[in-house]
Amino acid sequence: LACGGNAVDVGHSESQGWADAPAEGARATTPQVIYEGELSVIDFTIDDTMLYALIEHQGTFELVACPLGRCRSERTTLLSGPLAQGSWPSPPLVLSQGSLYWLGATGEDAESALVVSCSMTGCSEAQLLSTKGDRTLVGTPEGAYWIDTEKALMRMAPNAEAPELVRSLADELIEPQRLSAQGDYLYFSDVPGESIRRVRKDGTRPTELVVEDDAIGGL
């Protein structure tokens, strides 16, 4: 692929379509290839210098990491393992204080997801945090948060040995959908498209209504 007069190496069979983007001289408005291939990218996230991605192979998955712009020559595999037959929940990959967290599939008919984590430097196996994951997961400086299938707001704090219950939301929510974080609060949509609510990260107060509407599609 040629972009802005610079040759971009998209790799060959051994590199599975990963590319090293040109370090200098590329036009700022021209997209540079990081990955282009037949493997499915389940999800990815980035920090200031690194890209992290969950890649689906036939029957297996890989959690990979690489410096932005050097994903062909300096890519490492942090974790690999068998792929469950169920569909991957979304969103599955977030960063928090040196760890990666995602929602893993548990099987075709599963009504919940696995909440798992791995160090950003790699792990021999993922740490299982919960078997009751739902559709919400967010990374913050205070740790990773999720709302499980029992409407419990959970947190995995940095260096903690196990997740902790922040607050039970069973009497305050109907069907939480999406989760986001800003400042001292976690924001989430409740009952598909009807409201956005928030709760303090420390769980010390009940949820607060932010807005109601007829069809809120995202957050």
N, C-alpha and C. Protein backbone atom coordinates (compact mmCIF):
# COMPACT_ATOMS: atom_id res chain seq x y z
N LEU A 1 0.85 -1.19 0.00
CA LEU A 1 0.00 0.00 0.00
C LEU A 1 0.89 1.24 0.00
N ALA A 2 0.60 2.19 -0.86
CA ALA A 2 1.35 3.43 -0.92
C ALA A 2 0.47 4.58 -0.45
N CYS A 3 0.95 5.32 0.51
CA CYS A 3 0.18 6.45 1.05
C CYS A 3 1.10 7.66 1.16
N GLY A 4 0.70 8.76 0.57
CA GLY A 4 1.46 10.00 0.70
C GLY A 4 2.89 9.87 0.20
N GLY A 5 3.12 9.00 -0.79
CA GLY A 5 4.45 8.83 -1.33
C GLY A 5 5.34 7.93 -0.49
N ASN A 6 4.81 7.33 0.55
CA ASN A 6 5.59 6.45 1.40
C ASN A 6 5.10 5.01 1.28
N ALA A 7 6.01 4.08 1.19
CA ALA A 7 5.65 2.68 1.14
C ALA A 7 5.35 2.19 2.55
N VAL A 8 4.21 1.53 2.71
CA VAL A 8 3.82 0.99 3.99
C VAL A 8 3.87 -0.54 3.89
N ASP A 9 4.67 -1.16 4.73
CA ASP A 9 4.83 -2.60 4.70
C ASP A 9 3.66 -3.25 5.42
N VAL A 10 2.78 -3.91 4.68
CA VAL A 10 1.64 -4.59 5.30
C VAL A 10 1.99 -6.03 5.64
N GLY A 11 3.24 -6.41 5.50
CA GLY A 11 3.67 -7.71 5.97
C GLY A 11 3.41 -8.83 4.98
N HIS A 12 3.56 -10.05 5.46
CA HIS A 12 3.33 -11.24 4.65
C HIS A 12 2.72 -12.29 5.55
N SER A 13 2.71 -13.55 5.12
CA SER A 13 1.97 -14.57 5.85
C SER A 13 2.42 -14.71 7.30
N GLU A 14 3.75 -14.58 7.55
CA GLU A 14 4.22 -14.76 8.91
C GLU A 14 3.73 -13.65 9.85
N SER A 15 3.52 -12.46 9.33
CA SER A 15 3.11 -11.36 10.19
C SER A 15 1.60 -11.20 10.24
N GLN A 16 0.87 -12.03 9.48
CA GLN A 16 -0.59 -12.07 9.55
C GLN A 16 -1.24 -10.72 9.25
N GLY A 17 -0.63 -9.95 8.40
CA GLY A 17 -1.25 -8.70 7.97
C GLY A 17 -0.95 -7.48 8.82
N TRP A 18 -0.09 -7.60 9.82
CA TRP A 18 0.27 -6.44 10.63
C TRP A 18 1.30 -5.59 9.90
N ALA A 19 1.27 -4.28 10.17
CA ALA A 19 2.13 -3.36 9.44
C ALA A 19 2.92 -2.46 10.37
N ASP A 20 4.09 -2.04 9.88
CA ASP A 20 4.84 -0.95 10.49
C ASP A 20 4.55 0.31 9.69
N ALA A 21 3.93 1.29 10.29
CA ALA A 21 3.62 2.53 9.60
C ALA A 21 4.89 3.36 9.44
N PRO A 22 4.97 4.20 8.42
CA PRO A 22 6.16 5.03 8.24
C PRO A 22 6.34 5.99 9.40
N ALA A 23 7.56 6.11 9.88
CA ALA A 23 7.84 6.95 11.04
C ALA A 23 7.77 8.43 10.71
N GLU A 24 8.19 8.80 9.50
CA GLU A 24 8.22 10.21 9.14
C GLU A 24 7.73 10.38 7.71
N GLY A 25 7.29 11.56 7.39
CA GLY A 25 6.97 11.90 6.02
C GLY A 25 5.57 11.57 5.56
N ALA A 26 4.78 10.85 6.36
CA ALA A 26 3.43 10.52 5.94
C ALA A 26 2.52 11.73 6.11
N ARG A 27 1.57 11.85 5.24
CA ARG A 27 0.61 12.95 5.36
C ARG A 27 -0.29 12.71 6.56
N ALA A 28 -0.48 13.75 7.33
CA ALA A 28 -1.25 13.61 8.56
C ALA A 28 -2.71 13.23 8.29
N THR A 29 -3.22 13.55 7.11
CA THR A 29 -4.61 13.26 6.80
C THR A 29 -4.79 11.91 6.12
N THR A 30 -3.71 11.18 5.92
CA THR A 30 -3.80 9.88 5.24
C THR A 30 -3.75 8.75 6.26
N PRO A 31 -4.76 7.90 6.31
CA PRO A 31 -4.74 6.77 7.26
C PRO A 31 -3.57 5.84 6.96
N GLN A 32 -2.96 5.31 8.01
CA GLN A 32 -1.88 4.35 7.88
C GLN A 32 -2.36 2.99 8.35
N VAL A 33 -2.01 1.96 7.63
CA VAL A 33 -2.45 0.61 7.95
C VAL A 33 -1.73 0.11 9.20
N ILE A 34 -2.49 -0.41 10.16
CA ILE A 34 -1.93 -1.12 11.30
C ILE A 34 -2.16 -2.62 11.13
N TYR A 35 -3.37 -2.99 10.74
CA TYR A 35 -3.67 -4.39 10.46
C TYR A 35 -4.65 -4.47 9.30
N GLU A 36 -4.41 -5.39 8.39
CA GLU A 36 -5.34 -5.67 7.30
C GLU A 36 -5.20 -7.15 6.95
N GLY A 37 -6.24 -7.92 7.23
CA GLY A 37 -6.14 -9.35 6.98
C GLY A 37 -7.46 -10.05 7.21
N GLU A 38 -7.41 -11.37 7.21
CA GLU A 38 -8.61 -12.18 7.31
C GLU A 38 -9.00 -12.50 8.74
N LEU A 39 -8.10 -12.35 9.70
CA LEU A 39 -8.42 -12.64 11.08
C LEU A 39 -9.36 -11.57 11.64
N SER A 40 -10.25 -11.99 12.52
CA SER A 40 -11.22 -11.06 13.10
C SER A 40 -10.62 -10.34 14.30
N VAL A 41 -10.68 -9.01 14.28
CA VAL A 41 -10.27 -8.20 15.43
C VAL A 41 -11.51 -8.05 16.32
N ILE A 42 -11.52 -8.77 17.43
CA ILE A 42 -12.68 -8.74 18.32
C ILE A 42 -12.85 -7.34 18.90
N ASP A 43 -11.78 -6.76 19.40
CA ASP A 43 -11.79 -5.38 19.87
C ASP A 43 -10.37 -4.95 20.13
N PHE A 44 -10.15 -3.65 20.30
CA PHE A 44 -8.82 -3.14 20.60
C PHE A 44 -8.94 -1.90 21.47
N THR A 45 -7.85 -1.53 22.11
CA THR A 45 -7.78 -0.29 22.87
C THR A 45 -6.34 0.21 22.80
N ILE A 46 -6.13 1.46 23.14
CA ILE A 46 -4.79 2.05 23.07
C ILE A 46 -4.53 2.90 24.30
N ASP A 47 -3.23 3.07 24.62
CA ASP A 47 -2.83 4.12 25.55
C ASP A 47 -1.93 5.08 24.78
N ASP A 48 -1.06 5.80 25.45
CA ASP A 48 -0.28 6.82 24.77
C ASP A 48 0.65 6.24 23.70
N THR A 49 1.16 5.06 23.90
CA THR A 49 2.17 4.52 22.99
C THR A 49 1.86 3.14 22.44
N MET A 50 0.90 2.43 23.02
CA MET A 50 0.70 1.01 22.69
C MET A 50 -0.70 0.73 22.17
N LEU A 51 -0.78 -0.28 21.33
CA LEU A 51 -2.05 -0.84 20.87
C LEU A 51 -2.21 -2.22 21.50
N TYR A 52 -3.41 -2.52 21.99
CA TYR A 52 -3.74 -3.84 22.53
C TYR A 52 -4.97 -4.35 21.78
N ALA A 53 -4.94 -5.61 21.37
CA ALA A 53 -6.04 -6.12 20.56
C ALA A 53 -6.32 -7.58 20.89
N LEU A 54 -7.60 -7.94 20.84
CA LEU A 54 -8.04 -9.32 20.91
C LEU A 54 -8.28 -9.80 19.49
N ILE A 55 -7.59 -10.85 19.09
CA ILE A 55 -7.65 -11.36 17.73
C ILE A 55 -8.22 -12.77 17.75
N GLU A 56 -9.20 -13.02 16.89
CA GLU A 56 -9.83 -14.34 16.81
C GLU A 56 -9.22 -15.16 15.69
N HIS A 57 -8.73 -16.35 16.04
CA HIS A 57 -8.29 -17.32 15.06
C HIS A 57 -9.34 -18.43 14.98
N GLN A 58 -9.12 -19.44 14.19
CA GLN A 58 -10.05 -20.56 14.15
C GLN A 58 -9.91 -21.38 15.42
N GLY A 59 -10.88 -21.23 16.30
CA GLY A 59 -10.88 -22.00 17.53
C GLY A 59 -10.02 -21.45 18.64
N THR A 60 -9.26 -20.39 18.42
CA THR A 60 -8.41 -19.81 19.44
C THR A 60 -8.48 -18.29 19.38
N PHE A 61 -7.93 -17.64 20.40
CA PHE A 61 -7.81 -16.18 20.38
C PHE A 61 -6.43 -15.80 20.89
N GLU A 62 -6.02 -14.59 20.55
CA GLU A 62 -4.77 -14.03 21.06
C GLU A 62 -5.03 -12.62 21.58
N LEU A 63 -4.40 -12.30 22.70
CA LEU A 63 -4.33 -10.93 23.19
C LEU A 63 -2.94 -10.43 22.84
N VAL A 64 -2.84 -9.44 21.96
CA VAL A 64 -1.54 -8.99 21.47
C VAL A 64 -1.31 -7.53 21.85
N ALA A 65 -0.04 -7.13 21.88
CA ALA A 65 0.34 -5.76 22.18
C ALA A 65 1.46 -5.35 21.25
N CYS A 66 1.46 -4.08 20.85
CA CYS A 66 2.55 -3.59 20.00
C CYS A 66 2.62 -2.07 20.11
N PRO A 67 3.82 -1.49 19.94
CA PRO A 67 3.92 -0.03 19.89
C PRO A 67 3.16 0.49 18.66
N LEU A 68 2.45 1.57 18.83
CA LEU A 68 1.74 2.17 17.71
C LEU A 68 2.73 2.48 16.59
N GLY A 69 2.46 1.98 15.41
CA GLY A 69 3.34 2.20 14.28
C GLY A 69 4.39 1.12 14.08
N ARG A 70 4.51 0.16 15.03
CA ARG A 70 5.49 -0.91 14.88
C ARG A 70 4.86 -2.26 15.22
N CYS A 71 3.64 -2.46 14.74
CA CYS A 71 2.90 -3.66 15.10
C CYS A 71 3.34 -4.89 14.32
N ARG A 72 4.10 -4.72 13.27
CA ARG A 72 4.62 -5.88 12.55
C ARG A 72 5.93 -6.36 13.16
N SER A 73 6.82 -5.44 13.45
CA SER A 73 8.16 -5.82 13.90
C SER A 73 8.29 -6.00 15.40
N GLU A 74 7.39 -5.39 16.20
CA GLU A 74 7.55 -5.45 17.65
C GLU A 74 6.28 -5.91 18.35
N ARG A 75 5.49 -6.74 17.68
CA ARG A 75 4.26 -7.24 18.27
C ARG A 75 4.55 -8.43 19.19
N THR A 76 3.90 -8.46 20.36
CA THR A 76 4.05 -9.57 21.28
C THR A 76 2.67 -10.15 21.62
N THR A 77 2.64 -11.43 21.92
CA THR A 77 1.42 -12.09 22.35
C THR A 77 1.41 -12.16 23.87
N LEU A 78 0.42 -11.50 24.49
CA LEU A 78 0.32 -11.46 25.94
C LEU A 78 -0.37 -12.70 26.49
N LEU A 79 -1.31 -13.25 25.70
CA LEU A 79 -2.09 -14.40 26.15
C LEU A 79 -2.71 -15.05 24.93
N SER A 80 -2.80 -16.37 24.94
CA SER A 80 -3.53 -17.09 23.90
C SER A 80 -4.26 -18.24 24.55
N GLY A 81 -5.35 -18.69 23.91
CA GLY A 81 -6.12 -19.77 24.49
C GLY A 81 -7.27 -20.18 23.60
N PRO A 82 -8.04 -21.19 24.02
CA PRO A 82 -9.18 -21.65 23.23
C PRO A 82 -10.29 -20.61 23.21
N LEU A 83 -11.04 -20.61 22.15
CA LEU A 83 -12.12 -19.64 21.96
C LEU A 83 -13.45 -20.32 22.26
N ALA A 84 -14.24 -19.75 23.18
CA ALA A 84 -15.56 -20.29 23.46
C ALA A 84 -16.45 -20.16 22.24
N GLN A 85 -17.43 -21.04 22.12
CA GLN A 85 -18.29 -21.06 20.94
C GLN A 85 -19.33 -19.95 20.92
N GLY A 86 -19.63 -19.38 22.07
CA GLY A 86 -20.61 -18.30 22.10
C GLY A 86 -20.06 -17.02 21.51
N SER A 87 -20.92 -16.07 21.23
CA SER A 87 -20.48 -14.79 20.67
C SER A 87 -19.82 -13.95 21.76
N TRP A 88 -18.87 -13.10 21.33
CA TRP A 88 -18.19 -12.23 22.29
C TRP A 88 -19.12 -11.09 22.67
N PRO A 89 -19.27 -10.83 23.97
CA PRO A 89 -20.06 -9.66 24.38
C PRO A 89 -19.33 -8.38 23.96
N SER A 90 -20.02 -7.28 24.09
CA SER A 90 -19.41 -6.00 23.74
C SER A 90 -19.82 -4.98 24.79
N PRO A 91 -18.92 -4.09 25.22
CA PRO A 91 -17.52 -3.94 24.80
C PRO A 91 -16.60 -4.85 25.60
N PRO A 92 -15.63 -5.49 24.97
CA PRO A 92 -14.87 -6.49 25.71
C PRO A 92 -13.48 -6.10 26.20
N LEU A 93 -12.91 -4.95 25.87
CA LEU A 93 -11.50 -4.71 26.20
C LEU A 93 -11.29 -3.29 26.71
N VAL A 94 -10.82 -3.16 27.98
CA VAL A 94 -10.54 -1.84 28.56
C VAL A 94 -9.24 -1.91 29.33
N LEU A 95 -8.66 -0.75 29.60
CA LEU A 95 -7.41 -0.61 30.35
C LEU A 95 -7.68 0.01 31.72
N SER A 96 -6.93 -0.46 32.72
CA SER A 96 -6.99 0.18 34.03
C SER A 96 -5.76 -0.19 34.84
N GLN A 97 -4.93 0.79 35.14
CA GLN A 97 -3.82 0.66 36.08
C GLN A 97 -2.98 -0.60 35.84
N GLY A 98 -2.48 -0.75 34.62
CA GLY A 98 -1.56 -1.83 34.33
C GLY A 98 -2.19 -3.15 33.97
N SER A 99 -3.50 -3.21 33.86
CA SER A 99 -4.19 -4.46 33.52
C SER A 99 -5.18 -4.22 32.39
N LEU A 100 -5.43 -5.28 31.62
CA LEU A 100 -6.44 -5.30 30.58
C LEU A 100 -7.61 -6.15 31.07
N TYR A 101 -8.83 -5.67 30.83
CA TYR A 101 -10.04 -6.38 31.25
C TYR A 101 -10.93 -6.56 30.04
N TRP A 102 -11.62 -7.70 29.98
CA TRP A 102 -12.58 -7.90 28.90
C TRP A 102 -13.67 -8.86 29.34
N LEU A 103 -14.75 -8.89 28.54
CA LEU A 103 -15.87 -9.80 28.76
C LEU A 103 -15.71 -10.96 27.81
N GLY A 104 -15.61 -12.16 28.34
CA GLY A 104 -15.38 -13.34 27.52
C GLY A 104 -16.65 -14.15 27.34
N ALA A 105 -16.75 -14.83 26.20
CA ALA A 105 -17.89 -15.70 25.93
C ALA A 105 -17.80 -16.95 26.78
N THR A 106 -18.96 -17.48 27.17
CA THR A 106 -19.02 -18.69 27.99
C THR A 106 -19.69 -19.85 27.28
N GLY A 107 -20.31 -19.65 26.14
CA GLY A 107 -21.00 -20.72 25.44
C GLY A 107 -22.19 -20.20 24.67
N GLU A 108 -22.77 -21.06 23.83
CA GLU A 108 -23.84 -20.65 22.93
C GLU A 108 -25.06 -20.13 23.68
N ASP A 109 -25.45 -20.79 24.77
CA ASP A 109 -26.71 -20.45 25.44
C ASP A 109 -26.50 -19.70 26.75
N ALA A 110 -25.29 -19.21 26.97
CA ALA A 110 -25.00 -18.53 28.24
C ALA A 110 -25.76 -17.21 28.34
N GLU A 111 -26.28 -16.92 29.53
CA GLU A 111 -26.98 -15.67 29.77
C GLU A 111 -26.08 -14.64 30.44
N SER A 112 -24.83 -14.98 30.67
CA SER A 112 -23.88 -14.06 31.28
C SER A 112 -22.54 -14.22 30.59
N ALA A 113 -21.60 -13.37 30.96
CA ALA A 113 -20.26 -13.40 30.37
C ALA A 113 -19.23 -13.52 31.48
N LEU A 114 -18.05 -13.96 31.11
CA LEU A 114 -16.94 -13.98 32.05
C LEU A 114 -16.28 -12.61 32.08
N VAL A 115 -15.95 -12.12 33.25
CA VAL A 115 -15.13 -10.92 33.40
C VAL A 115 -13.72 -11.41 33.74
N VAL A 116 -12.76 -11.12 32.87
CA VAL A 116 -11.40 -11.63 33.05
C VAL A 116 -10.40 -10.50 32.87
N SER A 117 -9.16 -10.75 33.33
CA SER A 117 -8.13 -9.73 33.21
C SER A 117 -6.78 -10.37 32.96
N CYS A 118 -5.86 -9.55 32.45
CA CYS A 118 -4.49 -9.98 32.20
C CYS A 118 -3.60 -8.75 32.34
N SER A 119 -2.41 -8.94 32.86
CA SER A 119 -1.47 -7.83 32.97
C SER A 119 -1.12 -7.30 31.59
N MET A 120 -0.85 -6.01 31.49
CA MET A 120 -0.44 -5.41 30.22
C MET A 120 0.93 -5.91 29.78
N THR A 121 1.65 -6.59 30.66
CA THR A 121 2.94 -7.18 30.29
C THR A 121 2.81 -8.65 29.93
N GLY A 122 1.60 -9.23 30.06
CA GLY A 122 1.38 -10.62 29.69
C GLY A 122 1.04 -11.49 30.88
N CYS A 123 0.44 -12.65 30.61
CA CYS A 123 0.06 -13.59 31.66
C CYS A 123 -0.01 -14.99 31.07
N SER A 124 0.16 -16.00 31.92
CA SER A 124 0.08 -17.38 31.45
C SER A 124 -1.37 -17.82 31.29
N GLU A 125 -2.27 -17.23 32.07
CA GLU A 125 -3.69 -17.46 31.93
C GLU A 125 -4.44 -16.25 32.47
N ALA A 126 -5.64 -16.04 31.94
CA ALA A 126 -6.43 -14.89 32.37
C ALA A 126 -6.94 -15.10 33.78
N GLN A 127 -7.02 -14.04 34.56
CA GLN A 127 -7.58 -14.10 35.90
C GLN A 127 -9.09 -13.97 35.80
N LEU A 128 -9.81 -14.96 36.28
CA LEU A 128 -11.26 -14.94 36.25
C LEU A 128 -11.78 -14.12 37.42
N LEU A 129 -12.53 -13.05 37.12
CA LEU A 129 -13.03 -12.16 38.15
C LEU A 129 -14.50 -12.41 38.46
N SER A 130 -15.27 -12.83 37.46
CA SER A 130 -16.70 -13.05 37.66
C SER A 130 -17.25 -13.92 36.54
N THR A 131 -18.25 -14.72 36.87
CA THR A 131 -18.99 -15.48 35.85
C THR A 131 -20.34 -14.85 35.58
N LYS A 132 -20.58 -13.67 36.15
CA LYS A 132 -21.89 -13.02 36.03
C LYS A 132 -21.81 -11.70 35.27
N GLY A 133 -20.81 -11.57 34.39
CA GLY A 133 -20.70 -10.34 33.63
C GLY A 133 -21.88 -10.12 32.72
N ASP A 134 -22.18 -8.86 32.45
CA ASP A 134 -23.28 -8.52 31.55
C ASP A 134 -22.72 -7.74 30.38
N ARG A 135 -23.29 -6.60 30.04
CA ARG A 135 -22.85 -5.84 28.87
C ARG A 135 -22.07 -4.59 29.24
N THR A 136 -21.75 -4.40 30.51
CA THR A 136 -21.11 -3.17 30.96
C THR A 136 -19.72 -3.44 31.51
N LEU A 137 -18.77 -2.62 31.08
CA LEU A 137 -17.39 -2.73 31.58
C LEU A 137 -16.67 -1.43 31.23
N VAL A 138 -15.97 -0.86 32.21
CA VAL A 138 -15.24 0.38 31.97
C VAL A 138 -13.99 0.39 32.83
N GLY A 139 -12.90 0.96 32.30
CA GLY A 139 -11.66 1.10 33.05
C GLY A 139 -11.49 2.52 33.54
N THR A 140 -11.09 2.69 34.81
CA THR A 140 -10.88 4.00 35.41
C THR A 140 -9.59 3.96 36.22
N PRO A 141 -9.09 5.12 36.69
CA PRO A 141 -7.91 5.10 37.56
C PRO A 141 -8.16 4.36 38.87
N GLU A 142 -9.42 4.26 39.29
CA GLU A 142 -9.74 3.55 40.53
C GLU A 142 -9.90 2.05 40.33
N GLY A 143 -9.85 1.59 39.09
CA GLY A 143 -10.01 0.17 38.80
C GLY A 143 -11.02 -0.06 37.71
N ALA A 144 -11.30 -1.33 37.43
CA ALA A 144 -12.30 -1.69 36.44
C ALA A 144 -13.65 -1.87 37.12
N TYR A 145 -14.71 -1.33 36.50
CA TYR A 145 -16.06 -1.42 37.04
C TYR A 145 -16.94 -2.19 36.05
N TRP A 146 -17.89 -2.93 36.58
CA TRP A 146 -18.93 -3.53 35.75
C TRP A 146 -20.18 -3.72 36.58
N ILE A 147 -21.33 -3.83 35.91
CA ILE A 147 -22.60 -4.16 36.55
C ILE A 147 -22.94 -5.57 36.12
N ASP A 148 -23.10 -6.48 37.08
CA ASP A 148 -23.29 -7.88 36.72
C ASP A 148 -24.77 -8.19 36.49
N THR A 149 -25.06 -9.45 36.22
CA THR A 149 -26.42 -9.86 35.89
C THR A 149 -27.38 -9.73 37.06
N GLU A 150 -26.85 -9.58 38.29
CA GLU A 150 -27.69 -9.36 39.45
C GLU A 150 -27.80 -7.88 39.81
N LYS A 151 -27.35 -7.03 38.87
CA LYS A 151 -27.39 -5.57 39.03
C LYS A 151 -26.55 -5.10 40.22
N ALA A 152 -25.44 -5.80 40.44
CA ALA A 152 -24.48 -5.38 41.45
C ALA A 152 -23.35 -4.62 40.76
N LEU A 153 -23.04 -3.42 41.26
CA LEU A 153 -21.93 -2.65 40.74
C LEU A 153 -20.66 -3.18 41.39
N MET A 154 -19.75 -3.73 40.58
CA MET A 154 -18.53 -4.37 41.07
C MET A 154 -17.31 -3.56 40.64
N ARG A 155 -16.24 -3.67 41.44
CA ARG A 155 -14.98 -3.00 41.11
C ARG A 155 -13.82 -3.94 41.40
N MET A 156 -12.88 -3.97 40.45
CA MET A 156 -11.60 -4.64 40.69
C MET A 156 -10.57 -3.55 40.82
N ALA A 157 -10.16 -3.26 42.05
CA ALA A 157 -9.22 -2.18 42.31
C ALA A 157 -7.79 -2.63 42.01
N PRO A 158 -6.89 -1.69 41.70
CA PRO A 158 -5.50 -2.05 41.45
C PRO A 158 -4.89 -2.80 42.63
N ASN A 159 -4.19 -3.88 42.35
CA ASN A 159 -3.49 -4.70 43.35
C ASN A 159 -4.42 -5.45 44.29
N ALA A 160 -5.73 -5.41 44.04
CA ALA A 160 -6.65 -6.17 44.88
C ALA A 160 -6.61 -7.64 44.49
N GLU A 161 -6.93 -8.51 45.43
CA GLU A 161 -6.93 -9.93 45.16
C GLU A 161 -8.24 -10.41 44.55
N ALA A 162 -9.33 -9.68 44.79
CA ALA A 162 -10.64 -10.09 44.29
C ALA A 162 -11.51 -8.86 44.09
N PRO A 163 -12.54 -8.96 43.25
CA PRO A 163 -13.45 -7.82 43.06
C PRO A 163 -14.22 -7.52 44.35
N GLU A 164 -14.68 -6.29 44.47
CA GLU A 164 -15.48 -5.89 45.63
C GLU A 164 -16.81 -5.33 45.16
N LEU A 165 -17.83 -5.53 45.99
CA LEU A 165 -19.15 -4.97 45.73
C LEU A 165 -19.13 -3.49 46.12
N VAL A 166 -19.43 -2.62 45.15
CA VAL A 166 -19.49 -1.19 45.42
C VAL A 166 -20.88 -0.80 45.90
N ARG A 167 -21.91 -1.29 45.19
CA ARG A 167 -23.29 -0.98 45.57
C ARG A 167 -24.23 -1.92 44.83
N SER A 168 -25.25 -2.39 45.51
CA SER A 168 -26.32 -3.14 44.84
C SER A 168 -27.27 -2.14 44.20
N LEU A 169 -27.52 -2.32 42.91
CA LEU A 169 -28.39 -1.42 42.16
C LEU A 169 -29.69 -2.11 41.78
N ALA A 170 -30.00 -3.23 42.42
CA ALA A 170 -31.17 -4.02 42.04
C ALA A 170 -32.47 -3.24 42.22
N ASP A 171 -32.52 -2.36 43.22
CA ASP A 171 -33.74 -1.58 43.47
C ASP A 171 -33.73 -0.24 42.74
N GLU A 172 -32.65 0.05 42.01
CA GLU A 172 -32.51 1.36 41.36
C GLU A 172 -32.47 1.28 39.84
N LEU A 173 -32.20 0.10 39.30
CA LEU A 173 -32.09 -0.06 37.84
C LEU A 173 -33.06 -1.12 37.36
N ILE A 174 -33.39 -1.01 36.07
CA ILE A 174 -34.24 -2.03 35.44
C ILE A 174 -33.40 -2.91 34.53
N GLU A 175 -32.73 -2.31 33.56
CA GLU A 175 -31.89 -3.08 32.63
C GLU A 175 -30.74 -2.21 32.14
N PRO A 176 -29.64 -2.13 32.88
CA PRO A 176 -28.51 -1.29 32.46
C PRO A 176 -27.90 -1.79 31.16
N GLN A 177 -27.50 -0.84 30.30
CA GLN A 177 -27.04 -1.20 28.96
C GLN A 177 -25.57 -0.83 28.72
N ARG A 178 -25.21 0.42 28.94
CA ARG A 178 -23.86 0.89 28.64
C ARG A 178 -23.31 1.62 29.85
N LEU A 179 -21.99 1.63 29.96
CA LEU A 179 -21.35 2.21 31.13
C LEU A 179 -20.20 3.10 30.69
N SER A 180 -20.10 4.29 31.30
CA SER A 180 -19.02 5.22 31.01
C SER A 180 -18.61 5.88 32.32
N ALA A 181 -17.41 6.47 32.34
CA ALA A 181 -16.89 7.07 33.57
C ALA A 181 -16.39 8.47 33.29
N GLN A 182 -16.64 9.37 34.25
CA GLN A 182 -16.13 10.74 34.16
C GLN A 182 -16.08 11.32 35.55
N GLY A 183 -14.89 11.77 35.96
CA GLY A 183 -14.78 12.37 37.28
C GLY A 183 -15.10 11.37 38.39
N ASP A 184 -15.96 11.78 39.31
CA ASP A 184 -16.33 10.95 40.45
C ASP A 184 -17.49 10.01 40.16
N TYR A 185 -17.99 10.00 38.90
CA TYR A 185 -19.23 9.30 38.62
C TYR A 185 -19.07 8.25 37.52
N LEU A 186 -19.93 7.24 37.60
CA LEU A 186 -20.16 6.30 36.52
C LEU A 186 -21.53 6.60 35.93
N TYR A 187 -21.61 6.66 34.61
CA TYR A 187 -22.86 6.94 33.91
C TYR A 187 -23.29 5.69 33.16
N PHE A 188 -24.58 5.43 33.10
CA PHE A 188 -25.09 4.26 32.39
C PHE A 188 -26.49 4.53 31.87
N SER A 189 -26.79 3.88 30.76
CA SER A 189 -28.14 3.94 30.23
C SER A 189 -28.94 2.80 30.83
N ASP A 190 -30.23 3.05 31.06
CA ASP A 190 -31.08 2.06 31.71
C ASP A 190 -32.37 1.89 30.92
N VAL A 191 -32.84 0.66 30.82
CA VAL A 191 -34.00 0.29 30.01
C VAL A 191 -33.76 0.81 28.60
N PRO A 192 -33.59 -0.04 27.62
CA PRO A 192 -33.12 0.39 26.30
C PRO A 192 -33.75 1.70 25.82
N GLY A 193 -32.91 2.75 25.80
CA GLY A 193 -33.32 4.00 25.19
C GLY A 193 -34.17 4.92 26.03
N GLU A 194 -34.35 4.69 27.33
CA GLU A 194 -35.29 5.51 28.08
C GLU A 194 -34.63 6.50 29.04
N SER A 195 -33.47 6.18 29.60
CA SER A 195 -32.87 7.11 30.55
C SER A 195 -31.37 6.90 30.64
N ILE A 196 -30.69 7.95 31.13
CA ILE A 196 -29.29 7.88 31.53
C ILE A 196 -29.22 8.26 32.99
N ARG A 197 -28.56 7.42 33.79
CA ARG A 197 -28.42 7.68 35.21
C ARG A 197 -26.94 7.69 35.57
N ARG A 198 -26.62 8.12 36.78
CA ARG A 198 -25.24 8.11 37.24
C ARG A 198 -25.19 7.71 38.72
N VAL A 199 -24.02 7.23 39.14
CA VAL A 199 -23.81 6.87 40.53
C VAL A 199 -22.36 7.20 40.87
N ARG A 200 -22.11 7.57 42.10
CA ARG A 200 -20.75 7.86 42.52
C ARG A 200 -19.90 6.59 42.47
N LYS A 201 -18.62 6.75 42.11
CA LYS A 201 -17.74 5.59 42.02
C LYS A 201 -17.57 4.85 43.34
N ASP A 202 -17.73 5.58 44.45
CA ASP A 202 -17.60 4.92 45.75
C ASP A 202 -18.91 4.30 46.22
N GLY A 203 -19.99 4.49 45.46
CA GLY A 203 -21.26 3.86 45.78
C GLY A 203 -21.94 4.37 47.02
N THR A 204 -21.57 5.55 47.51
CA THR A 204 -22.09 6.03 48.79
C THR A 204 -23.48 6.66 48.67
N ARG A 205 -23.96 6.91 47.46
CA ARG A 205 -25.28 7.53 47.30
C ARG A 205 -26.07 6.76 46.26
N PRO A 206 -27.40 6.87 46.32
CA PRO A 206 -28.23 6.22 45.30
C PRO A 206 -27.97 6.82 43.91
N THR A 207 -28.41 6.12 42.89
CA THR A 207 -28.26 6.61 41.52
C THR A 207 -29.09 7.88 41.33
N GLU A 208 -28.65 8.72 40.40
CA GLU A 208 -29.33 9.96 40.08
C GLU A 208 -29.74 9.95 38.61
N LEU A 209 -30.92 10.45 38.32
CA LEU A 209 -31.38 10.58 36.95
C LEU A 209 -30.70 11.76 36.29
N VAL A 210 -30.09 11.54 35.11
CA VAL A 210 -29.46 12.62 34.35
C VAL A 210 -30.39 13.12 33.27
N VAL A 211 -31.00 12.20 32.51
CA VAL A 211 -31.89 12.60 31.42
C VAL A 211 -32.83 11.45 31.08
N GLU A 212 -34.03 11.79 30.66
CA GLU A 212 -34.98 10.83 30.12
C GLU A 212 -35.33 11.22 28.69
N ASP A 213 -35.57 10.23 27.85
CA ASP A 213 -35.98 10.50 26.47
C ASP A 213 -36.62 9.24 25.91
N ASP A 214 -37.05 9.34 24.63
CA ASP A 214 -37.78 8.22 24.04
C ASP A 214 -36.86 7.16 23.43
N ALA A 215 -35.73 7.57 22.91
CA ALA A 215 -34.87 6.61 22.20
C ALA A 215 -33.42 7.05 22.29
N ILE A 216 -32.77 6.73 23.41
CA ILE A 216 -31.35 7.05 23.59
C ILE A 216 -30.56 5.86 23.06
N GLY A 217 -29.81 6.07 21.99
CA GLY A 217 -29.17 4.95 21.31
C GLY A 217 -27.78 4.62 21.79
N GLY A 218 -27.13 5.52 22.52
CA GLY A 218 -25.76 5.25 22.93
C GLY A 218 -25.36 6.16 24.06
N LEU A 219 -24.15 5.93 24.58
CA LEU A 219 -23.66 6.73 25.70
C LEU A 219 -22.14 6.77 25.60
